[in-house]
Amino acid sequence: FPTSVLPVSIGRESSMMLIDEAVKKKSYIAVVCQKDPKTDDPGLSDIYEIGIVAKVLKQMTLPDGTSTAILQGFQRIKITRITRQEPYMRGSVERIPEIIPSSKNKEYNILVEDCRNTIVRTMELTEGMSPEPIFAIKNMQSGLSLINYLCLNCNVGVKEKMQMLQENSLTERGYMVLKHLKKDLKVAELYEK
């Protein structure tokens, strides 16, 4: 999601080549999800057409030999066509604009605070939760960053996350993630009893 920073495991040699080149050239990459992770050589029909433009902040090889890249998302994009499959997938994209409400929009501000309060309450009820993530969420100033962070990290599958990423309206995306957060809070409250 835009504004989010996340670690991504790199499994395919072609993905590793892309990450290596992006690091060397300090370039941006398009990041999309695959519909079926078991597909070895995905084409356009095997990936979600909506994704993000991201910058590789760091690349590392872990002690177990797996590679991970730390990515920062910037802009939602739509894959319009694939121009090359080798040595890694290349194609054309178009930017997807965000519909971001004014900072004075009362409905939006209430929604952002409801999202914040719901996730904080859920985390407070979660046994063993360290205080750092709660502190970070409480202090996130940007509604855009908070909603996208929650969409990225909410406890739902790829299909549901893709539905949220496809939503142009930040307000509507906020309502979508809030619905999932409320379910998680109900579960946490049941475990507390």
N, C-alpha and C. Protein backbone atom coordinates (compact mmCIF):
# COMPACT_ATOMS: atom_id res chain seq x y z
N PHE A 1 0.84 -1.18 0.00
CA PHE A 1 0.00 0.00 0.00
C PHE A 1 0.89 1.24 0.00
N PRO A 2 0.42 2.32 -0.62
CA PRO A 2 1.22 3.55 -0.62
C PRO A 2 1.57 3.99 0.81
N THR A 3 2.72 4.53 0.97
CA THR A 3 3.30 5.06 2.21
C THR A 3 3.78 3.96 3.16
N SER A 4 3.48 2.70 2.88
CA SER A 4 3.85 1.62 3.79
C SER A 4 5.25 1.10 3.47
N VAL A 5 5.92 0.66 4.52
CA VAL A 5 7.22 0.00 4.40
C VAL A 5 7.03 -1.43 4.83
N LEU A 6 7.50 -2.38 3.98
CA LEU A 6 7.29 -3.77 4.32
C LEU A 6 8.42 -4.65 3.81
N PRO A 7 8.71 -5.72 4.55
CA PRO A 7 9.69 -6.70 4.08
C PRO A 7 9.00 -7.67 3.11
N VAL A 8 9.70 -8.03 2.06
CA VAL A 8 9.16 -8.97 1.07
C VAL A 8 10.19 -10.06 0.86
N SER A 9 9.78 -11.31 1.02
CA SER A 9 10.67 -12.44 0.74
C SER A 9 10.82 -12.59 -0.76
N ILE A 10 12.04 -12.87 -1.19
CA ILE A 10 12.33 -13.01 -2.61
C ILE A 10 12.68 -14.46 -2.88
N GLY A 11 11.83 -15.13 -3.65
CA GLY A 11 12.04 -16.55 -3.89
C GLY A 11 12.57 -16.87 -5.27
N ARG A 12 12.07 -16.19 -6.27
CA ARG A 12 12.44 -16.51 -7.65
C ARG A 12 13.74 -15.81 -8.04
N GLU A 13 14.49 -16.48 -8.89
CA GLU A 13 15.74 -15.89 -9.40
C GLU A 13 15.45 -14.62 -10.19
N SER A 14 14.34 -14.64 -10.95
CA SER A 14 14.00 -13.46 -11.74
C SER A 14 13.68 -12.27 -10.84
N SER A 15 13.01 -12.52 -9.72
CA SER A 15 12.71 -11.44 -8.77
C SER A 15 13.99 -10.91 -8.15
N MET A 16 14.92 -11.81 -7.87
CA MET A 16 16.20 -11.39 -7.29
C MET A 16 16.96 -10.50 -8.28
N MET A 17 16.90 -10.86 -9.57
CA MET A 17 17.57 -10.05 -10.59
C MET A 17 16.95 -8.65 -10.66
N LEU A 18 15.61 -8.58 -10.58
CA LEU A 18 14.92 -7.30 -10.60
C LEU A 18 15.33 -6.44 -9.41
N ILE A 19 15.34 -7.03 -8.24
CA ILE A 19 15.71 -6.29 -7.02
C ILE A 19 17.16 -5.81 -7.12
N ASP A 20 18.06 -6.69 -7.58
CA ASP A 20 19.47 -6.31 -7.73
C ASP A 20 19.61 -5.10 -8.66
N GLU A 21 18.91 -5.15 -9.80
CA GLU A 21 19.00 -4.05 -10.76
C GLU A 21 18.40 -2.76 -10.19
N ALA A 22 17.28 -2.89 -9.48
CA ALA A 22 16.65 -1.70 -8.88
C ALA A 22 17.57 -1.06 -7.84
N VAL A 23 18.27 -1.87 -7.08
CA VAL A 23 19.20 -1.34 -6.08
C VAL A 23 20.37 -0.64 -6.78
N LYS A 24 20.93 -1.29 -7.79
CA LYS A 24 22.08 -0.70 -8.50
C LYS A 24 21.71 0.61 -9.18
N LYS A 25 20.55 0.65 -9.83
CA LYS A 25 20.14 1.83 -10.58
C LYS A 25 19.35 2.83 -9.75
N LYS A 26 19.08 2.46 -8.48
CA LYS A 26 18.26 3.29 -7.60
C LYS A 26 16.93 3.65 -8.26
N SER A 27 16.35 2.64 -8.89
CA SER A 27 15.09 2.85 -9.61
C SER A 27 13.90 2.29 -8.84
N TYR A 28 12.75 2.64 -9.30
CA TYR A 28 11.50 2.17 -8.70
C TYR A 28 11.05 0.91 -9.43
N ILE A 29 10.26 0.10 -8.74
CA ILE A 29 9.71 -1.12 -9.34
C ILE A 29 8.20 -1.14 -9.11
N ALA A 30 7.52 -1.88 -9.96
CA ALA A 30 6.09 -2.13 -9.75
C ALA A 30 5.97 -3.41 -8.93
N VAL A 31 5.12 -3.39 -7.94
CA VAL A 31 4.91 -4.55 -7.09
C VAL A 31 3.44 -4.93 -7.17
N VAL A 32 3.19 -6.16 -7.57
CA VAL A 32 1.83 -6.69 -7.67
C VAL A 32 1.79 -8.04 -6.98
N CYS A 33 0.60 -8.47 -6.62
CA CYS A 33 0.42 -9.79 -6.01
C CYS A 33 0.05 -10.81 -7.08
N GLN A 34 0.51 -12.01 -6.85
CA GLN A 34 0.18 -13.12 -7.72
C GLN A 34 -1.11 -13.75 -7.23
N LYS A 35 -1.98 -14.14 -8.13
CA LYS A 35 -3.26 -14.74 -7.74
C LYS A 35 -3.07 -16.11 -7.12
N ASP A 36 -2.19 -16.93 -7.70
CA ASP A 36 -1.91 -18.26 -7.17
C ASP A 36 -0.40 -18.38 -6.97
N PRO A 37 0.05 -18.42 -5.72
CA PRO A 37 1.50 -18.46 -5.47
C PRO A 37 2.18 -19.72 -6.01
N LYS A 38 1.40 -20.73 -6.36
CA LYS A 38 1.99 -21.97 -6.89
C LYS A 38 2.38 -21.86 -8.36
N THR A 39 1.89 -20.83 -9.05
CA THR A 39 2.24 -20.64 -10.46
C THR A 39 3.70 -20.22 -10.54
N ASP A 40 4.51 -21.06 -11.24
CA ASP A 40 5.96 -20.81 -11.29
C ASP A 40 6.36 -19.66 -12.19
N ASP A 41 5.70 -19.50 -13.32
CA ASP A 41 6.10 -18.47 -14.27
C ASP A 41 4.87 -17.62 -14.62
N PRO A 42 4.48 -16.70 -13.72
CA PRO A 42 3.22 -15.98 -13.92
C PRO A 42 3.25 -15.02 -15.11
N GLY A 43 2.11 -14.93 -15.79
CA GLY A 43 1.91 -13.96 -16.85
C GLY A 43 0.89 -12.93 -16.38
N LEU A 44 0.44 -12.09 -17.28
CA LEU A 44 -0.50 -11.03 -16.94
C LEU A 44 -1.78 -11.56 -16.31
N SER A 45 -2.29 -12.69 -16.80
CA SER A 45 -3.54 -13.23 -16.25
C SER A 45 -3.35 -13.87 -14.88
N ASP A 46 -2.09 -14.06 -14.45
CA ASP A 46 -1.81 -14.70 -13.16
C ASP A 46 -1.54 -13.70 -12.03
N ILE A 47 -1.57 -12.40 -12.36
CA ILE A 47 -1.29 -11.39 -11.34
C ILE A 47 -2.48 -10.43 -11.25
N TYR A 48 -2.60 -9.81 -10.09
CA TYR A 48 -3.59 -8.74 -9.93
C TYR A 48 -3.07 -7.54 -10.71
N GLU A 49 -3.94 -6.86 -11.43
CA GLU A 49 -3.50 -5.75 -12.27
C GLU A 49 -3.22 -4.48 -11.48
N ILE A 50 -3.73 -4.41 -10.25
CA ILE A 50 -3.50 -3.24 -9.39
C ILE A 50 -2.35 -3.55 -8.44
N GLY A 51 -1.43 -2.61 -8.31
CA GLY A 51 -0.30 -2.77 -7.41
C GLY A 51 0.21 -1.42 -6.98
N ILE A 52 1.48 -1.37 -6.64
CA ILE A 52 2.09 -0.12 -6.21
C ILE A 52 3.45 0.06 -6.87
N VAL A 53 3.87 1.29 -6.96
CA VAL A 53 5.25 1.61 -7.30
C VAL A 53 5.99 1.65 -5.98
N ALA A 54 7.16 1.00 -5.94
CA ALA A 54 7.91 0.94 -4.69
C ALA A 54 9.39 1.18 -4.94
N LYS A 55 10.05 1.58 -3.88
CA LYS A 55 11.50 1.77 -3.88
C LYS A 55 12.09 0.69 -2.98
N VAL A 56 13.18 0.08 -3.42
CA VAL A 56 13.88 -0.90 -2.59
C VAL A 56 14.76 -0.12 -1.63
N LEU A 57 14.42 -0.17 -0.35
CA LEU A 57 15.20 0.55 0.66
C LEU A 57 16.43 -0.23 1.08
N LYS A 58 16.26 -1.57 1.13
CA LYS A 58 17.36 -2.41 1.58
C LYS A 58 17.13 -3.82 1.07
N GLN A 59 18.22 -4.48 0.78
CA GLN A 59 18.18 -5.87 0.34
C GLN A 59 19.12 -6.65 1.24
N MET A 60 18.69 -7.82 1.69
CA MET A 60 19.55 -8.59 2.57
C MET A 60 19.33 -10.08 2.39
N THR A 61 20.38 -10.83 2.68
CA THR A 61 20.31 -12.28 2.70
C THR A 61 20.33 -12.71 4.16
N LEU A 62 19.32 -13.46 4.55
CA LEU A 62 19.20 -13.90 5.93
C LEU A 62 20.09 -15.11 6.19
N PRO A 63 20.36 -15.42 7.47
CA PRO A 63 21.25 -16.56 7.79
C PRO A 63 20.80 -17.89 7.18
N ASP A 64 19.50 -18.06 6.97
CA ASP A 64 19.02 -19.32 6.38
C ASP A 64 19.15 -19.35 4.86
N GLY A 65 19.73 -18.27 4.27
CA GLY A 65 19.96 -18.23 2.83
C GLY A 65 18.86 -17.56 2.03
N THR A 66 17.73 -17.27 2.66
CA THR A 66 16.65 -16.60 1.93
C THR A 66 16.95 -15.12 1.79
N SER A 67 16.40 -14.54 0.76
CA SER A 67 16.61 -13.10 0.52
C SER A 67 15.35 -12.33 0.84
N THR A 68 15.55 -11.14 1.38
CA THR A 68 14.45 -10.26 1.73
C THR A 68 14.79 -8.85 1.25
N ALA A 69 13.76 -8.17 0.79
CA ALA A 69 13.93 -6.76 0.42
C ALA A 69 12.96 -5.94 1.26
N ILE A 70 13.41 -4.79 1.71
CA ILE A 70 12.55 -3.85 2.41
C ILE A 70 12.10 -2.84 1.37
N LEU A 71 10.78 -2.76 1.15
CA LEU A 71 10.21 -1.89 0.13
C LEU A 71 9.39 -0.78 0.76
N GLN A 72 9.38 0.38 0.12
CA GLN A 72 8.48 1.45 0.52
C GLN A 72 7.56 1.76 -0.65
N GLY A 73 6.25 1.65 -0.38
CA GLY A 73 5.25 1.92 -1.41
C GLY A 73 5.03 3.41 -1.58
N PHE A 74 4.77 3.82 -2.83
CA PHE A 74 4.57 5.23 -3.11
C PHE A 74 3.23 5.53 -3.78
N GLN A 75 2.92 4.86 -4.84
CA GLN A 75 1.77 5.23 -5.67
C GLN A 75 1.07 3.96 -6.15
N ARG A 76 -0.25 3.99 -6.12
CA ARG A 76 -1.00 2.86 -6.69
C ARG A 76 -0.90 2.93 -8.21
N ILE A 77 -0.79 1.75 -8.82
CA ILE A 77 -0.68 1.68 -10.28
C ILE A 77 -1.55 0.54 -10.81
N LYS A 78 -1.79 0.60 -12.11
CA LYS A 78 -2.48 -0.48 -12.81
C LYS A 78 -1.54 -0.96 -13.91
N ILE A 79 -1.32 -2.27 -13.99
CA ILE A 79 -0.52 -2.84 -15.06
C ILE A 79 -1.38 -2.80 -16.33
N THR A 80 -0.90 -2.14 -17.35
CA THR A 80 -1.68 -2.03 -18.59
C THR A 80 -1.26 -3.07 -19.63
N ARG A 81 0.02 -3.44 -19.60
CA ARG A 81 0.46 -4.52 -20.49
C ARG A 81 1.83 -5.02 -20.05
N ILE A 82 2.11 -6.25 -20.42
CA ILE A 82 3.42 -6.85 -20.17
C ILE A 82 4.17 -6.80 -21.48
N THR A 83 5.39 -6.25 -21.45
CA THR A 83 6.18 -6.13 -22.66
C THR A 83 7.28 -7.17 -22.76
N ARG A 84 7.64 -7.75 -21.63
CA ARG A 84 8.73 -8.73 -21.60
C ARG A 84 8.58 -9.63 -20.39
N GLN A 85 8.93 -10.89 -20.53
CA GLN A 85 8.89 -11.85 -19.41
C GLN A 85 10.30 -12.15 -18.88
N GLU A 86 11.32 -11.99 -19.72
CA GLU A 86 12.68 -12.38 -19.36
C GLU A 86 13.60 -11.16 -19.32
N PRO A 87 14.55 -11.06 -18.46
CA PRO A 87 14.85 -11.99 -17.38
C PRO A 87 13.86 -11.89 -16.22
N TYR A 88 13.05 -10.85 -16.22
CA TYR A 88 11.96 -10.68 -15.26
C TYR A 88 10.86 -9.93 -15.98
N MET A 89 9.67 -9.92 -15.39
CA MET A 89 8.52 -9.29 -16.03
C MET A 89 8.72 -7.78 -16.11
N ARG A 90 8.45 -7.23 -17.29
CA ARG A 90 8.48 -5.78 -17.52
C ARG A 90 7.19 -5.40 -18.21
N GLY A 91 6.76 -4.18 -18.02
CA GLY A 91 5.52 -3.78 -18.67
C GLY A 91 5.26 -2.29 -18.53
N SER A 92 4.06 -1.92 -18.90
CA SER A 92 3.62 -0.53 -18.81
C SER A 92 2.60 -0.42 -17.69
N VAL A 93 2.63 0.73 -17.02
CA VAL A 93 1.70 0.97 -15.93
C VAL A 93 1.09 2.36 -16.08
N GLU A 94 -0.04 2.54 -15.43
CA GLU A 94 -0.60 3.89 -15.32
C GLU A 94 -0.89 4.16 -13.86
N ARG A 95 -0.68 5.38 -13.46
CA ARG A 95 -0.94 5.77 -12.08
C ARG A 95 -2.43 5.79 -11.80
N ILE A 96 -2.78 5.42 -10.58
CA ILE A 96 -4.17 5.49 -10.14
C ILE A 96 -4.23 6.57 -9.06
N PRO A 97 -4.98 7.63 -9.30
CA PRO A 97 -5.04 8.72 -8.31
C PRO A 97 -5.82 8.30 -7.06
N GLU A 98 -5.40 8.82 -5.94
CA GLU A 98 -6.10 8.62 -4.67
C GLU A 98 -7.14 9.73 -4.53
N ILE A 99 -8.28 9.38 -4.02
CA ILE A 99 -9.27 10.40 -3.66
C ILE A 99 -9.13 10.59 -2.15
N ILE A 100 -8.44 11.65 -1.79
CA ILE A 100 -8.13 11.91 -0.38
C ILE A 100 -8.97 13.08 0.10
N PRO A 101 -9.76 12.87 1.14
CA PRO A 101 -10.60 13.97 1.64
C PRO A 101 -9.76 15.08 2.28
N SER A 102 -10.36 16.22 2.39
CA SER A 102 -9.73 17.36 3.05
C SER A 102 -9.48 17.02 4.52
N SER A 103 -8.46 17.60 5.08
CA SER A 103 -8.16 17.39 6.51
C SER A 103 -9.26 17.97 7.40
N LYS A 104 -10.15 18.77 6.82
CA LYS A 104 -11.26 19.35 7.58
C LYS A 104 -12.55 18.53 7.45
N ASN A 105 -12.50 17.43 6.71
CA ASN A 105 -13.67 16.59 6.50
C ASN A 105 -13.98 15.81 7.79
N LYS A 106 -15.08 16.14 8.44
CA LYS A 106 -15.42 15.56 9.75
C LYS A 106 -15.62 14.05 9.68
N GLU A 107 -16.35 13.58 8.66
CA GLU A 107 -16.59 12.14 8.53
C GLU A 107 -15.27 11.39 8.43
N TYR A 108 -14.38 11.89 7.59
CA TYR A 108 -13.08 11.25 7.39
C TYR A 108 -12.27 11.25 8.69
N ASN A 109 -12.23 12.38 9.38
CA ASN A 109 -11.47 12.47 10.63
C ASN A 109 -12.01 11.53 11.70
N ILE A 110 -13.33 11.40 11.77
CA ILE A 110 -13.95 10.47 12.73
C ILE A 110 -13.59 9.03 12.34
N LEU A 111 -13.64 8.74 11.04
CA LEU A 111 -13.29 7.40 10.55
C LEU A 111 -11.85 7.04 10.91
N VAL A 112 -10.93 7.97 10.68
CA VAL A 112 -9.51 7.72 10.99
C VAL A 112 -9.35 7.43 12.48
N GLU A 113 -10.00 8.22 13.33
CA GLU A 113 -9.89 8.00 14.77
C GLU A 113 -10.55 6.69 15.20
N ASP A 114 -11.66 6.33 14.55
CA ASP A 114 -12.32 5.05 14.85
C ASP A 114 -11.40 3.89 14.49
N CYS A 115 -10.75 3.98 13.33
CA CYS A 115 -9.78 2.95 12.94
C CYS A 115 -8.65 2.86 13.96
N ARG A 116 -8.10 4.02 14.34
CA ARG A 116 -6.99 4.06 15.30
C ARG A 116 -7.42 3.46 16.65
N ASN A 117 -8.56 3.90 17.17
CA ASN A 117 -9.02 3.43 18.47
C ASN A 117 -9.33 1.94 18.46
N THR A 118 -9.88 1.45 17.35
CA THR A 118 -10.24 0.04 17.26
C THR A 118 -9.00 -0.84 17.25
N ILE A 119 -8.00 -0.50 16.46
CA ILE A 119 -6.78 -1.32 16.41
C ILE A 119 -6.01 -1.22 17.72
N VAL A 120 -5.96 -0.03 18.32
CA VAL A 120 -5.25 0.12 19.60
C VAL A 120 -5.93 -0.72 20.67
N ARG A 121 -7.25 -0.69 20.73
CA ARG A 121 -7.97 -1.49 21.72
C ARG A 121 -7.73 -2.99 21.50
N THR A 122 -7.75 -3.42 20.26
CA THR A 122 -7.48 -4.83 19.94
C THR A 122 -6.08 -5.22 20.38
N MET A 123 -5.12 -4.36 20.10
CA MET A 123 -3.73 -4.65 20.48
C MET A 123 -3.56 -4.67 22.00
N GLU A 124 -4.26 -3.78 22.68
CA GLU A 124 -4.18 -3.77 24.15
C GLU A 124 -4.75 -5.05 24.75
N LEU A 125 -5.72 -5.64 24.07
CA LEU A 125 -6.32 -6.89 24.56
C LEU A 125 -5.51 -8.13 24.18
N THR A 126 -4.55 -7.96 23.28
CA THR A 126 -3.76 -9.09 22.79
C THR A 126 -2.62 -9.36 23.76
N GLU A 127 -2.64 -10.55 24.32
CA GLU A 127 -1.63 -10.93 25.30
C GLU A 127 -0.23 -10.94 24.67
N GLY A 128 0.71 -10.36 25.37
CA GLY A 128 2.09 -10.36 24.90
C GLY A 128 2.42 -9.28 23.88
N MET A 129 1.49 -8.41 23.58
CA MET A 129 1.72 -7.35 22.60
C MET A 129 2.66 -6.31 23.20
N SER A 130 3.73 -6.01 22.48
CA SER A 130 4.66 -5.01 22.97
C SER A 130 4.06 -3.62 22.78
N PRO A 131 4.46 -2.65 23.58
CA PRO A 131 3.87 -1.31 23.50
C PRO A 131 4.32 -0.49 22.29
N GLU A 132 5.42 -0.88 21.64
CA GLU A 132 5.96 -0.06 20.54
C GLU A 132 4.98 0.11 19.38
N PRO A 133 4.36 -0.98 18.88
CA PRO A 133 3.42 -0.77 17.76
C PRO A 133 2.22 0.09 18.15
N ILE A 134 1.76 -0.05 19.38
CA ILE A 134 0.64 0.76 19.85
C ILE A 134 1.05 2.23 19.87
N PHE A 135 2.24 2.50 20.38
CA PHE A 135 2.76 3.87 20.41
C PHE A 135 2.85 4.44 18.99
N ALA A 136 3.37 3.63 18.06
CA ALA A 136 3.52 4.09 16.67
C ALA A 136 2.17 4.43 16.06
N ILE A 137 1.18 3.58 16.26
CA ILE A 137 -0.15 3.82 15.69
C ILE A 137 -0.80 5.06 16.31
N LYS A 138 -0.67 5.19 17.61
CA LYS A 138 -1.24 6.36 18.29
C LYS A 138 -0.64 7.66 17.77
N ASN A 139 0.61 7.60 17.31
CA ASN A 139 1.31 8.82 16.90
C ASN A 139 1.38 9.02 15.39
N MET A 140 0.72 8.17 14.61
CA MET A 140 0.67 8.38 13.16
C MET A 140 -0.20 9.57 12.88
N GLN A 141 0.37 10.59 12.26
CA GLN A 141 -0.35 11.84 12.01
C GLN A 141 -1.22 11.80 10.76
N SER A 142 -0.76 11.10 9.75
CA SER A 142 -1.45 11.09 8.46
C SER A 142 -2.53 10.01 8.40
N GLY A 143 -3.74 10.43 8.08
CA GLY A 143 -4.83 9.46 7.88
C GLY A 143 -4.52 8.52 6.74
N LEU A 144 -3.92 9.02 5.67
CA LEU A 144 -3.53 8.18 4.52
C LEU A 144 -2.57 7.09 4.98
N SER A 145 -1.55 7.46 5.73
CA SER A 145 -0.57 6.48 6.20
C SER A 145 -1.21 5.47 7.14
N LEU A 146 -2.05 5.93 8.05
CA LEU A 146 -2.68 5.02 9.01
C LEU A 146 -3.59 4.03 8.30
N ILE A 147 -4.46 4.51 7.44
CA ILE A 147 -5.39 3.60 6.76
C ILE A 147 -4.63 2.60 5.90
N ASN A 148 -3.64 3.06 5.15
CA ASN A 148 -2.88 2.13 4.32
C ASN A 148 -2.08 1.14 5.15
N TYR A 149 -1.52 1.58 6.26
CA TYR A 149 -0.80 0.69 7.17
C TYR A 149 -1.74 -0.39 7.70
N LEU A 150 -2.94 0.01 8.10
CA LEU A 150 -3.90 -0.95 8.63
C LEU A 150 -4.38 -1.92 7.56
N CYS A 151 -4.58 -1.43 6.34
CA CYS A 151 -4.97 -2.31 5.23
C CYS A 151 -3.89 -3.37 4.98
N LEU A 152 -2.64 -2.93 4.98
CA LEU A 152 -1.53 -3.84 4.73
C LEU A 152 -1.42 -4.89 5.83
N ASN A 153 -1.66 -4.50 7.07
CA ASN A 153 -1.39 -5.38 8.20
C ASN A 153 -2.62 -6.04 8.81
N CYS A 154 -3.81 -5.78 8.25
CA CYS A 154 -5.00 -6.40 8.85
C CYS A 154 -5.03 -7.89 8.55
N ASN A 155 -5.76 -8.58 9.38
CA ASN A 155 -5.79 -10.05 9.38
C ASN A 155 -6.79 -10.59 8.36
N VAL A 156 -6.50 -10.35 7.07
CA VAL A 156 -7.35 -10.85 5.98
C VAL A 156 -6.45 -11.40 4.88
N GLY A 157 -7.04 -12.11 3.95
CA GLY A 157 -6.29 -12.70 2.86
C GLY A 157 -5.95 -11.69 1.77
N VAL A 158 -5.19 -12.18 0.80
CA VAL A 158 -4.73 -11.34 -0.31
C VAL A 158 -5.92 -10.79 -1.09
N LYS A 159 -6.93 -11.61 -1.32
CA LYS A 159 -8.09 -11.16 -2.11
C LYS A 159 -8.75 -9.93 -1.47
N GLU A 160 -8.95 -9.97 -0.16
CA GLU A 160 -9.56 -8.84 0.54
C GLU A 160 -8.64 -7.62 0.53
N LYS A 161 -7.34 -7.85 0.70
CA LYS A 161 -6.40 -6.72 0.66
C LYS A 161 -6.39 -6.08 -0.73
N MET A 162 -6.50 -6.92 -1.75
CA MET A 162 -6.52 -6.38 -3.11
C MET A 162 -7.79 -5.55 -3.34
N GLN A 163 -8.91 -5.97 -2.76
CA GLN A 163 -10.14 -5.19 -2.89
C GLN A 163 -9.95 -3.81 -2.26
N MET A 164 -9.25 -3.77 -1.13
CA MET A 164 -9.00 -2.49 -0.47
C MET A 164 -8.04 -1.63 -1.30
N LEU A 165 -7.00 -2.26 -1.86
CA LEU A 165 -6.03 -1.52 -2.67
C LEU A 165 -6.68 -0.95 -3.93
N GLN A 166 -7.66 -1.66 -4.47
CA GLN A 166 -8.33 -1.21 -5.69
C GLN A 166 -9.26 -0.02 -5.44
N GLU A 167 -9.63 0.23 -4.20
CA GLU A 167 -10.56 1.31 -3.88
C GLU A 167 -9.85 2.67 -4.00
N ASN A 168 -10.36 3.52 -4.88
CA ASN A 168 -9.75 4.85 -5.09
C ASN A 168 -10.00 5.81 -3.94
N SER A 169 -11.15 5.70 -3.30
CA SER A 169 -11.51 6.62 -2.23
C SER A 169 -10.88 6.17 -0.92
N LEU A 170 -10.06 7.02 -0.34
CA LEU A 170 -9.43 6.69 0.94
C LEU A 170 -10.49 6.51 2.03
N THR A 171 -11.56 7.29 1.95
CA THR A 171 -12.64 7.13 2.94
C THR A 171 -13.26 5.75 2.83
N GLU A 172 -13.59 5.32 1.62
CA GLU A 172 -14.19 3.99 1.44
C GLU A 172 -13.21 2.89 1.85
N ARG A 173 -11.92 3.07 1.53
CA ARG A 173 -10.91 2.09 1.95
C ARG A 173 -10.86 2.03 3.48
N GLY A 174 -10.99 3.20 4.11
CA GLY A 174 -11.02 3.23 5.58
C GLY A 174 -12.20 2.46 6.14
N TYR A 175 -13.37 2.61 5.54
CA TYR A 175 -14.54 1.85 6.00
C TYR A 175 -14.33 0.35 5.79
N MET A 176 -13.68 -0.01 4.69
CA MET A 176 -13.43 -1.43 4.42
C MET A 176 -12.53 -2.04 5.49
N VAL A 177 -11.43 -1.34 5.82
CA VAL A 177 -10.52 -1.88 6.82
C VAL A 177 -11.14 -1.84 8.21
N LEU A 178 -11.95 -0.82 8.48
CA LEU A 178 -12.60 -0.72 9.78
C LEU A 178 -13.51 -1.92 10.03
N LYS A 179 -14.20 -2.37 9.01
CA LYS A 179 -15.07 -3.56 9.13
C LYS A 179 -14.25 -4.77 9.61
N HIS A 180 -13.06 -4.96 9.04
CA HIS A 180 -12.20 -6.08 9.45
C HIS A 180 -11.64 -5.86 10.85
N LEU A 181 -11.29 -4.61 11.17
CA LEU A 181 -10.75 -4.30 12.50
C LEU A 181 -11.80 -4.56 13.58
N LYS A 182 -13.05 -4.23 13.29
CA LYS A 182 -14.13 -4.44 14.27
C LYS A 182 -14.32 -5.94 14.54
N LYS A 183 -14.19 -6.76 13.50
CA LYS A 183 -14.29 -8.22 13.69
C LYS A 183 -13.18 -8.72 14.59
N ASP A 184 -11.95 -8.23 14.33
CA ASP A 184 -10.81 -8.63 15.16
C ASP A 184 -10.99 -8.19 16.61
N LEU A 185 -11.56 -7.00 16.81
CA LEU A 185 -11.80 -6.52 18.17
C LEU A 185 -12.81 -7.41 18.89
N LYS A 186 -13.86 -7.82 18.19
CA LYS A 186 -14.86 -8.70 18.82
C LYS A 186 -14.22 -10.01 19.26
N VAL A 187 -13.35 -10.56 18.43
CA VAL A 187 -12.65 -11.81 18.78
C VAL A 187 -11.75 -11.57 19.99
N ALA A 188 -11.01 -10.49 20.01
CA ALA A 188 -10.13 -10.17 21.14
C ALA A 188 -10.93 -10.00 22.42
N GLU A 189 -12.09 -9.36 22.32
CA GLU A 189 -12.94 -9.19 23.51
C GLU A 189 -13.48 -10.51 24.01
N LEU A 190 -13.80 -11.44 23.11
CA LEU A 190 -14.26 -12.76 23.52
C LEU A 190 -13.16 -13.53 24.25
N TYR A 191 -11.94 -13.43 23.76
CA TYR A 191 -10.82 -14.11 24.43
C TYR A 191 -10.52 -13.52 25.78
N GLU A 192 -10.81 -12.24 25.96
CA GLU A 192 -10.55 -11.59 27.23
C GLU A 192 -11.49 -12.09 28.32
N LYS A 193 -12.69 -12.47 27.93
CA LYS A 193 -13.70 -12.88 28.93
C LYS A 193 -13.40 -14.22 29.57
